[in-house]
Amino acid sequence: MKKGLKITLSLAIVALLALLIVVIFKHNENKRLQLACIGVNVEFVGDYRFVTKEDIESYLQKDYGTYLGKRLDSLDLDRIENVLNQKSAISKTDAYTTPDGMLNVKVWQRTPVVRFQKGDLGFYSDEMGFLFPLQSNYALDVPTISGNIPLEFTSGYKGEPKTDKEKAWLAKVIDLAEYIQSSPDWKYAFSKITVDGGGNLVMTPSQGSEQFIFGKPDDIDVKFSRIRKYYTAIVPARGHYKTVNVKFRKQIICRENIK
């Protein structure tokens, strides 16, 4: 009987403690929600700085509205995230509040892998094929392609290419850019990559006067092996050439020897 009474009392005490904890938690939660927002704390994930804390504050003020001085529980966190996610250089955000009265925003920025220059228009593409304009705050050293780029975009455009054909071409170019960036031999080997009128990629080396006609952005590893063979076998024996065509299978076509 006494043992049963002790167990009952113990259970009652545990229940009261649990209830007290819930009451305290709810009280603190209500107190937190009733706090006014006193500022925004921005955390950037990654090394890129296309967007600054000041940009985030400006985007919120312009496209969300007043948030400073508002009760934390009145802030629409989903809308805040949607506002920021519409910005071209931002991949995603996570917005939340904390008991110190701060609105916290965690920001993931896009990772450019290639840059396109089409006339006066400059764009980046990330690894997923999302195009977005160059950013005034930050420039990234990635392969740059200019000339007759088969992508249709206008000033301020952001998003994926509009046609399947454009998407397929961009996917191959991304593979090429990532190949160049990951190679210690080729990362800084070319000063310029252009697209000629026939859709061929033409690469100009950082040192030398050759023009490497690469062709379409396919068979990347094989074509670079031909460029390597040109430097290791042809140049020592015959010197440099003006144009070096590596786009055809099992061929390296050199024209106009440079004296």
C-alpha atoms as a PDB file:
ATOM      1  CA  MET A   1       0.000   0.000   0.000  1.00  0.00           C
ATOM      2  CA  LYS A   2       2.764   2.427   0.969  1.00  0.00           C
ATOM      3  CA  LYS A   3       4.756   1.430  -2.098  1.00  0.00           C
ATOM      4  CA  GLY A   4       1.768   2.154  -4.334  1.00  0.00           C
ATOM      5  CA  LEU A   5       1.257   5.524  -2.656  1.00  0.00           C
ATOM      6  CA  LYS A   6       4.904   6.448  -3.228  1.00  0.00           C
ATOM      7  CA  ILE A   7       4.648   5.530  -6.917  1.00  0.00           C
ATOM      8  CA  THR A   8       1.472   7.594  -7.246  1.00  0.00           C
ATOM      9  CA  LEU A   9       3.090  10.585  -5.547  1.00  0.00           C
ATOM     10  CA  SER A  10       6.184  10.236  -7.759  1.00  0.00           C
ATOM     11  CA  LEU A  11       4.052  10.160 -10.887  1.00  0.00           C
ATOM     12  CA  ALA A  12       2.095  13.167  -9.689  1.00  0.00           C
ATOM     13  CA  ILE A  13       5.301  15.120  -9.062  1.00  0.00           C
ATOM     14  CA  VAL A  14       6.628  14.203 -12.508  1.00  0.00           C
ATOM     15  CA  ALA A  15       3.335  15.269 -14.086  1.00  0.00           C
ATOM     16  CA  LEU A  16       3.393  18.586 -12.204  1.00  0.00           C
ATOM     17  CA  LEU A  17       6.988  19.220 -13.265  1.00  0.00           C
ATOM     18  CA  ALA A  18       6.117  18.449 -16.888  1.00  0.00           C
ATOM     19  CA  LEU A  19       3.114  20.786 -16.703  1.00  0.00           C
ATOM     20  CA  LEU A  20       5.277  23.508 -15.154  1.00  0.00           C
ATOM     21  CA  ILE A  21       7.830  23.132 -17.936  1.00  0.00           C
ATOM     22  CA  VAL A  22       5.081  23.412 -20.574  1.00  0.00           C
ATOM     23  CA  VAL A  23       3.640  26.510 -18.881  1.00  0.00           C
ATOM     24  CA  ILE A  24       7.070  28.147 -18.663  1.00  0.00           C
ATOM     25  CA  PHE A  25       7.839  27.254 -22.290  1.00  0.00           C
ATOM     26  CA  LYS A  26       4.539  28.674 -23.519  1.00  0.00           C
ATOM     27  CA  HIS A  27       5.043  31.796 -21.441  1.00  0.00           C
ATOM     28  CA  ASN A  28       8.518  32.312 -22.864  1.00  0.00           C
ATOM     29  CA  GLU A  29       7.279  31.538 -26.366  1.00  0.00           C
ATOM     30  CA  ASN A  30       4.455  34.060 -26.070  1.00  0.00           C
ATOM     31  CA  LYS A  31       6.881  36.591 -24.650  1.00  0.00           C
ATOM     32  CA  ARG A  32       9.254  35.968 -27.522  1.00  0.00           C
ATOM     33  CA  LEU A  33       6.536  36.338 -30.126  1.00  0.00           C
ATOM     34  CA  GLN A  34       5.374  39.600 -28.587  1.00  0.00           C
ATOM     35  CA  LEU A  35       8.866  41.072 -28.865  1.00  0.00           C
ATOM     36  CA  ALA A  36       9.449  43.732 -31.481  1.00  0.00           C
ATOM     37  CA  CYS A  37      11.965  43.085 -34.252  1.00  0.00           C
ATOM     38  CA  ILE A  38      15.049  45.181 -33.512  1.00  0.00           C
ATOM     39  CA  GLY A  39      17.207  44.198 -36.474  1.00  0.00           C
ATOM     40  CA  VAL A  40      18.223  41.636 -39.069  1.00  0.00           C
ATOM     41  CA  ASN A  41      21.147  39.254 -38.813  1.00  0.00           C
ATOM     42  CA  VAL A  42      22.398  37.852 -42.147  1.00  0.00           C
ATOM     43  CA  GLU A  43      24.490  34.691 -42.421  1.00  0.00           C
ATOM     44  CA  PHE A  44      26.040  33.852 -45.797  1.00  0.00           C
ATOM     45  CA  VAL A  45      26.760  30.232 -46.661  1.00  0.00           C
ATOM     46  CA  GLY A  46      29.805  29.821 -48.915  1.00  0.00           C
ATOM     47  CA  ASP A  47      32.555  32.145 -50.077  1.00  0.00           C
ATOM     48  CA  TYR A  48      30.729  34.249 -52.673  1.00  0.00           C
ATOM     49  CA  ARG A  49      29.632  37.799 -51.963  1.00  0.00           C
ATOM     50  CA  PHE A  50      27.350  38.750 -54.835  1.00  0.00           C
ATOM     51  CA  VAL A  51      24.889  39.972 -52.212  1.00  0.00           C
ATOM     52  CA  THR A  52      25.709  41.992 -49.093  1.00  0.00           C
ATOM     53  CA  LYS A  53      23.908  42.455 -45.782  1.00  0.00           C
ATOM     54  CA  GLU A  54      22.964  45.934 -46.964  1.00  0.00           C
ATOM     55  CA  ASP A  55      21.409  44.386 -50.091  1.00  0.00           C
ATOM     56  CA  ILE A  56      19.304  42.038 -47.974  1.00  0.00           C
ATOM     57  CA  GLU A  57      18.074  44.935 -45.841  1.00  0.00           C
ATOM     58  CA  SER A  58      17.273  46.951 -48.975  1.00  0.00           C
ATOM     59  CA  TYR A  59      15.400  44.061 -50.623  1.00  0.00           C
ATOM     60  CA  LEU A  60      13.289  43.558 -47.504  1.00  0.00           C
ATOM     61  CA  GLN A  61      12.523  47.238 -47.088  1.00  0.00           C
ATOM     62  CA  LYS A  62      11.570  47.640 -50.746  1.00  0.00           C
ATOM     63  CA  ASP A  63       9.766  44.383 -51.527  1.00  0.00           C
ATOM     64  CA  TYR A  64       8.532  43.174 -48.137  1.00  0.00           C
ATOM     65  CA  GLY A  65       7.904  46.411 -46.300  1.00  0.00           C
ATOM     66  CA  THR A  66       8.589  47.561 -42.773  1.00  0.00           C
ATOM     67  CA  TYR A  67       9.796  44.827 -40.476  1.00  0.00           C
ATOM     68  CA  LEU A  68      11.763  46.755 -37.861  1.00  0.00           C
ATOM     69  CA  GLY A  69       9.576  47.485 -34.847  1.00  0.00           C
ATOM     70  CA  LYS A  70       7.013  44.877 -35.874  1.00  0.00           C
ATOM     71  CA  ARG A  71       6.129  42.034 -33.508  1.00  0.00           C
ATOM     72  CA  LEU A  72       8.119  38.916 -34.300  1.00  0.00           C
ATOM     73  CA  ASP A  73       4.951  36.832 -34.529  1.00  0.00           C
ATOM     74  CA  SER A  74       3.589  39.211 -37.173  1.00  0.00           C
ATOM     75  CA  LEU A  75       6.510  38.677 -39.564  1.00  0.00           C
ATOM     76  CA  ASP A  76       5.616  36.488 -42.553  1.00  0.00           C
ATOM     77  CA  LEU A  77       8.754  34.363 -42.748  1.00  0.00           C
ATOM     78  CA  ASP A  78       7.604  32.484 -45.859  1.00  0.00           C
ATOM     79  CA  ARG A  79       7.023  35.750 -47.689  1.00  0.00           C
ATOM     80  CA  ILE A  80      10.412  37.075 -46.565  1.00  0.00           C
ATOM     81  CA  GLU A  81      12.062  33.985 -48.037  1.00  0.00           C
ATOM     82  CA  ASN A  82      10.060  34.308 -51.264  1.00  0.00           C
ATOM     83  CA  VAL A  83      11.049  37.973 -51.637  1.00  0.00           C
ATOM     84  CA  LEU A  84      14.732  37.171 -51.271  1.00  0.00           C
ATOM     85  CA  ASN A  85      14.624  34.013 -53.385  1.00  0.00           C
ATOM     86  CA  GLN A  86      13.451  36.108 -56.347  1.00  0.00           C
ATOM     87  CA  LYS A  87      16.827  37.857 -56.465  1.00  0.00           C
ATOM     88  CA  SER A  88      18.949  36.465 -59.265  1.00  0.00           C
ATOM     89  CA  ALA A  89      22.162  35.713 -57.353  1.00  0.00           C
ATOM     90  CA  ILE A  90      20.370  34.041 -54.421  1.00  0.00           C
ATOM     91  CA  SER A  91      19.757  30.303 -54.580  1.00  0.00           C
ATOM     92  CA  LYS A  92      17.708  29.947 -51.382  1.00  0.00           C
ATOM     93  CA  THR A  93      17.167  31.490 -47.956  1.00  0.00           C
ATOM     94  CA  ASP A  94      16.036  30.417 -44.504  1.00  0.00           C
ATOM     95  CA  ALA A  95      14.356  33.069 -42.335  1.00  0.00           C
ATOM     96  CA  TYR A  96      13.634  32.680 -38.614  1.00  0.00           C
ATOM     97  CA  THR A  97      13.376  34.776 -35.450  1.00  0.00           C
ATOM     98  CA  THR A  98      15.147  34.466 -32.105  1.00  0.00           C
ATOM     99  CA  PRO A  99      14.273  35.601 -28.549  1.00  0.00           C
ATOM    100  CA  ASP A 100      16.723  38.497 -28.764  1.00  0.00           C
ATOM    101  CA  GLY A 101      14.350  40.268 -31.159  1.00  0.00           C
ATOM    102  CA  MET A 102      16.357  39.542 -34.287  1.00  0.00           C
ATOM    103  CA  LEU A 103      15.134  38.484 -37.695  1.00  0.00           C
ATOM    104  CA  ASN A 104      17.723  35.996 -38.925  1.00  0.00           C
ATOM    105  CA  VAL A 105      18.282  35.227 -42.596  1.00  0.00           C
ATOM    106  CA  LYS A 106      20.554  32.455 -43.831  1.00  0.00           C
ATOM    107  CA  VAL A 107      21.531  32.991 -47.474  1.00  0.00           C
ATOM    108  CA  TRP A 108      22.832  30.538 -50.048  1.00  0.00           C
ATOM    109  CA  GLN A 109      24.163  32.236 -53.191  1.00  0.00           C
ATOM    110  CA  ARG A 110      24.461  30.756 -56.657  1.00  0.00           C
ATOM    111  CA  THR A 111      27.777  29.259 -57.745  1.00  0.00           C
ATOM    112  CA  PRO A 112      28.740  30.496 -61.227  1.00  0.00           C
ATOM    113  CA  VAL A 113      30.720  28.087 -63.390  1.00  0.00           C
ATOM    114  CA  VAL A 114      30.810  30.020 -66.678  1.00  0.00           C
ATOM    115  CA  ARG A 115      30.349  33.594 -67.849  1.00  0.00           C
ATOM    116  CA  PHE A 116      28.787  34.680 -71.142  1.00  0.00           C
ATOM    117  CA  GLN A 117      29.405  38.007 -72.823  1.00  0.00           C
ATOM    118  CA  LYS A 118      26.972  38.700 -75.659  1.00  0.00           C
ATOM    119  CA  GLY A 119      27.497  42.237 -76.872  1.00  0.00           C
ATOM    120  CA  ASP A 120      26.868  44.513 -73.915  1.00  0.00           C
ATOM    121  CA  LEU A 121      25.056  41.809 -71.982  1.00  0.00           C
ATOM    122  CA  GLY A 122      26.974  39.771 -69.432  1.00  0.00           C
ATOM    123  CA  PHE A 123      25.587  36.710 -67.689  1.00  0.00           C
ATOM    124  CA  TYR A 124      26.674  33.919 -65.407  1.00  0.00           C
ATOM    125  CA  SER A 125      25.368  30.371 -65.387  1.00  0.00           C
ATOM    126  CA  ASP A 126      25.481  28.214 -62.289  1.00  0.00           C
ATOM    127  CA  GLU A 127      26.098  24.455 -62.349  1.00  0.00           C
ATOM    128  CA  MET A 128      22.357  23.808 -62.755  1.00  0.00           C
ATOM    129  CA  GLY A 129      22.056  25.893 -65.921  1.00  0.00           C
ATOM    130  CA  PHE A 130      20.416  28.901 -64.239  1.00  0.00           C
ATOM    131  CA  LEU A 131      21.347  32.131 -66.010  1.00  0.00           C
ATOM    132  CA  PHE A 132      21.585  35.415 -64.124  1.00  0.00           C
ATOM    133  CA  PRO A 133      23.137  38.853 -64.789  1.00  0.00           C
ATOM    134  CA  LEU A 134      26.631  39.831 -63.729  1.00  0.00           C
ATOM    135  CA  GLN A 135      26.713  41.349 -60.251  1.00  0.00           C
ATOM    136  CA  SER A 136      28.253  44.735 -59.499  1.00  0.00           C
ATOM    137  CA  ASN A 137      29.400  43.701 -56.010  1.00  0.00           C
ATOM    138  CA  TYR A 138      31.577  40.780 -56.960  1.00  0.00           C
ATOM    139  CA  ALA A 139      33.292  39.246 -59.999  1.00  0.00           C
ATOM    140  CA  LEU A 140      34.333  35.624 -60.247  1.00  0.00           C
ATOM    141  CA  ASP A 141      37.205  34.189 -62.280  1.00  0.00           C
ATOM    142  CA  VAL A 142      35.456  31.551 -64.402  1.00  0.00           C
ATOM    143  CA  PRO A 143      35.780  30.684 -68.112  1.00  0.00           C
ATOM    144  CA  THR A 144      34.260  33.422 -70.262  1.00  0.00           C
ATOM    145  CA  ILE A 145      32.598  32.718 -73.608  1.00  0.00           C
ATOM    146  CA  SER A 146      31.720  35.454 -76.097  1.00  0.00           C
ATOM    147  CA  GLY A 147      30.712  35.736 -79.747  1.00  0.00           C
ATOM    148  CA  ASN A 148      27.736  34.041 -81.402  1.00  0.00           C
ATOM    149  CA  ILE A 149      26.360  32.463 -78.238  1.00  0.00           C
ATOM    150  CA  PRO A 150      23.254  30.386 -79.094  1.00  0.00           C
ATOM    151  CA  LEU A 151      21.302  31.544 -76.065  1.00  0.00           C
ATOM    152  CA  GLU A 152      18.492  34.074 -76.169  1.00  0.00           C
ATOM    153  CA  PHE A 153      18.450  36.430 -73.197  1.00  0.00           C
ATOM    154  CA  THR A 154      17.676  40.074 -72.615  1.00  0.00           C
ATOM    155  CA  SER A 155      18.906  42.572 -70.062  1.00  0.00           C
ATOM    156  CA  GLY A 156      18.066  41.436 -66.546  1.00  0.00           C
ATOM    157  CA  TYR A 157      17.056  37.927 -67.628  1.00  0.00           C
ATOM    158  CA  LYS A 158      17.257  35.180 -65.017  1.00  0.00           C
ATOM    159  CA  GLY A 159      16.267  31.562 -65.267  1.00  0.00           C
ATOM    160  CA  GLU A 160      16.893  28.547 -67.439  1.00  0.00           C
ATOM    161  CA  PRO A 161      17.251  28.818 -71.234  1.00  0.00           C
ATOM    162  CA  LYS A 162      13.913  28.901 -73.015  1.00  0.00           C
ATOM    163  CA  THR A 163      14.301  25.980 -75.435  1.00  0.00           C
ATOM    164  CA  ASP A 164      15.484  22.393 -75.106  1.00  0.00           C
ATOM    165  CA  LYS A 165      18.145  23.047 -77.733  1.00  0.00           C
ATOM    166  CA  GLU A 166      19.560  25.942 -75.711  1.00  0.00           C
ATOM    167  CA  LYS A 167      19.440  23.884 -72.508  1.00  0.00           C
ATOM    168  CA  ALA A 168      21.348  21.024 -74.166  1.00  0.00           C
ATOM    169  CA  TRP A 169      24.041  23.385 -75.467  1.00  0.00           C
ATOM    170  CA  LEU A 170      24.398  25.101 -72.100  1.00  0.00           C
ATOM    171  CA  ALA A 171      24.696  21.748 -70.290  1.00  0.00           C
ATOM    172  CA  LYS A 172      27.627  20.797 -72.541  1.00  0.00           C
ATOM    173  CA  VAL A 173      29.287  24.188 -72.032  1.00  0.00           C
ATOM    174  CA  ILE A 174      28.951  23.773 -68.260  1.00  0.00           C
ATOM    175  CA  ASP A 175      30.705  20.402 -68.550  1.00  0.00           C
ATOM    176  CA  LEU A 176      33.479  22.105 -70.551  1.00  0.00           C
ATOM    177  CA  ALA A 177      33.847  24.961 -68.051  1.00  0.00           C
ATOM    178  CA  GLU A 178      33.983  22.566 -65.101  1.00  0.00           C
ATOM    179  CA  TYR A 179      36.559  20.453 -66.928  1.00  0.00           C
ATOM    180  CA  ILE A 180      38.774  23.493 -67.523  1.00  0.00           C
ATOM    181  CA  GLN A 181      38.389  24.773 -63.963  1.00  0.00           C
ATOM    182  CA  SER A 182      39.244  21.405 -62.432  1.00  0.00           C
ATOM    183  CA  SER A 183      42.375  20.878 -64.526  1.00  0.00           C
ATOM    184  CA  PRO A 184      45.701  22.280 -63.277  1.00  0.00           C
ATOM    185  CA  ASP A 185      46.975  22.126 -66.869  1.00  0.00           C
ATOM    186  CA  TRP A 186      44.122  23.986 -68.567  1.00  0.00           C
ATOM    187  CA  LYS A 187      42.642  26.248 -65.874  1.00  0.00           C
ATOM    188  CA  TYR A 188      44.730  29.275 -66.891  1.00  0.00           C
ATOM    189  CA  ALA A 189      45.752  28.091 -70.360  1.00  0.00           C
ATOM    190  CA  PHE A 190      43.224  30.095 -72.393  1.00  0.00           C
ATOM    191  CA  SER A 191      42.650  33.824 -72.357  1.00  0.00           C
ATOM    192  CA  LYS A 192      39.563  33.804 -74.540  1.00  0.00           C
ATOM    193  CA  ILE A 193      36.857  31.447 -75.791  1.00  0.00           C
ATOM    194  CA  THR A 194      34.579  32.592 -78.605  1.00  0.00           C
ATOM    195  CA  VAL A 195      31.763  31.074 -80.642  1.00  0.00           C
ATOM    196  CA  ASP A 196      32.255  31.645 -84.370  1.00  0.00           C
ATOM    197  CA  GLY A 197      29.560  31.954 -87.035  1.00  0.00           C
ATOM    198  CA  GLY A 198      29.456  28.191 -87.521  1.00  0.00           C
ATOM    199  CA  GLY A 199      28.881  27.468 -83.859  1.00  0.00           C
ATOM    200  CA  ASN A 200      32.452  26.325 -83.261  1.00  0.00           C
ATOM    201  CA  LEU A 201      34.175  27.140 -79.992  1.00  0.00           C
ATOM    202  CA  VAL A 202      37.496  28.829 -80.725  1.00  0.00           C
ATOM    203  CA  MET A 203      40.057  29.004 -77.923  1.00  0.00           C
ATOM    204  CA  THR A 204      42.888  31.518 -77.728  1.00  0.00           C
ATOM    205  CA  PRO A 205      45.756  30.483 -75.428  1.00  0.00           C
ATOM    206  CA  SER A 206      47.113  32.812 -72.772  1.00  0.00           C
ATOM    207  CA  GLN A 207      50.557  32.367 -74.317  1.00  0.00           C
ATOM    208  CA  GLY A 208      51.047  31.987 -78.049  1.00  0.00           C
ATOM    209  CA  SER A 209      49.169  33.041 -81.179  1.00  0.00           C
ATOM    210  CA  GLU A 210      47.331  29.831 -82.043  1.00  0.00           C
ATOM    211  CA  GLN A 211      43.599  29.625 -82.525  1.00  0.00           C
ATOM    212  CA  PHE A 212      42.304  26.222 -81.410  1.00  0.00           C
ATOM    213  CA  ILE A 213      39.127  25.279 -83.268  1.00  0.00           C
ATOM    214  CA  PHE A 214      37.432  23.106 -80.665  1.00  0.00           C
ATOM    215  CA  GLY A 215      34.117  22.646 -82.461  1.00  0.00           C
ATOM    216  CA  LYS A 216      31.016  21.796 -80.468  1.00  0.00           C
ATOM    217  CA  PRO A 217      31.366  21.450 -76.686  1.00  0.00           C
ATOM    218  CA  ASP A 218      31.527  17.664 -76.798  1.00  0.00           C
ATOM    219  CA  ASP A 219      34.181  14.913 -76.622  1.00  0.00           C
ATOM    220  CA  ILE A 220      35.958  17.254 -74.231  1.00  0.00           C
ATOM    221  CA  ASP A 221      38.638  14.958 -72.880  1.00  0.00           C
ATOM    222  CA  VAL A 222      39.524  13.627 -76.347  1.00  0.00           C
ATOM    223  CA  LYS A 223      39.837  17.109 -77.840  1.00  0.00           C
ATOM    224  CA  PHE A 224      42.042  18.314 -75.027  1.00  0.00           C
ATOM    225  CA  SER A 225      44.256  15.296 -75.534  1.00  0.00           C
ATOM    226  CA  ARG A 226      44.706  16.475 -79.134  1.00  0.00           C
ATOM    227  CA  ILE A 227      45.653  19.957 -77.914  1.00  0.00           C
ATOM    228  CA  ARG A 228      48.164  18.349 -75.572  1.00  0.00           C
ATOM    229  CA  LYS A 229      49.584  16.311 -78.460  1.00  0.00           C
ATOM    230  CA  TYR A 230      49.930  19.491 -80.521  1.00  0.00           C
ATOM    231  CA  TYR A 231      52.104  21.069 -77.825  1.00  0.00           C
ATOM    232  CA  THR A 232      54.129  17.961 -77.017  1.00  0.00           C
ATOM    233  CA  ALA A 233      54.670  16.483 -80.486  1.00  0.00           C
ATOM    234  CA  ILE A 234      53.878  18.938 -83.285  1.00  0.00           C
ATOM    235  CA  VAL A 235      55.310  22.188 -81.893  1.00  0.00           C
ATOM    236  CA  PRO A 236      58.733  20.714 -81.022  1.00  0.00           C
ATOM    237  CA  ALA A 237      59.015  19.206 -84.518  1.00  0.00           C
ATOM    238  CA  ARG A 238      57.374  21.809 -86.731  1.00  0.00           C
ATOM    239  CA  GLY A 239      56.793  24.951 -84.689  1.00  0.00           C
ATOM    240  CA  HIS A 240      53.620  26.885 -83.976  1.00  0.00           C
ATOM    241  CA  TYR A 241      50.670  27.214 -86.335  1.00  0.00           C
ATOM    242  CA  LYS A 242      48.072  29.938 -86.706  1.00  0.00           C
ATOM    243  CA  THR A 243      45.036  27.621 -86.515  1.00  0.00           C
ATOM    244  CA  VAL A 244      44.822  24.190 -84.939  1.00  0.00           C
ATOM    245  CA  ASN A 245      41.632  22.276 -85.610  1.00  0.00           C
ATOM    246  CA  VAL A 246      40.958  19.492 -83.091  1.00  0.00           C
ATOM    247  CA  LYS A 247      37.246  18.976 -83.691  1.00  0.00           C
ATOM    248  CA  PHE A 248      37.532  16.019 -86.074  1.00  0.00           C
ATOM    249  CA  ARG A 249      38.034  12.440 -84.918  1.00  0.00           C
ATOM    250  CA  LYS A 250      41.618  11.193 -84.905  1.00  0.00           C
ATOM    251  CA  GLN A 251      42.868  14.356 -86.619  1.00  0.00           C
ATOM    252  CA  ILE A 252      44.789  17.500 -85.785  1.00  0.00           C
ATOM    253  CA  ILE A 253      44.628  19.899 -88.717  1.00  0.00           C
ATOM    254  CA  CYS A 254      47.244  22.674 -88.533  1.00  0.00           C
ATOM    255  CA  ARG A 255      47.313  25.608 -90.949  1.00  0.00           C
ATOM    256  CA  GLU A 256      49.638  28.556 -91.649  1.00  0.00           C
ATOM    257  CA  ASN A 257      52.858  27.906 -89.838  1.00  0.00           C
ATOM    258  CA  ILE A 258      53.961  30.878 -87.702  1.00  0.00           C
ATOM    259  CA  LYS A 259      57.572  31.804 -88.473  1.00  0.00           C
END
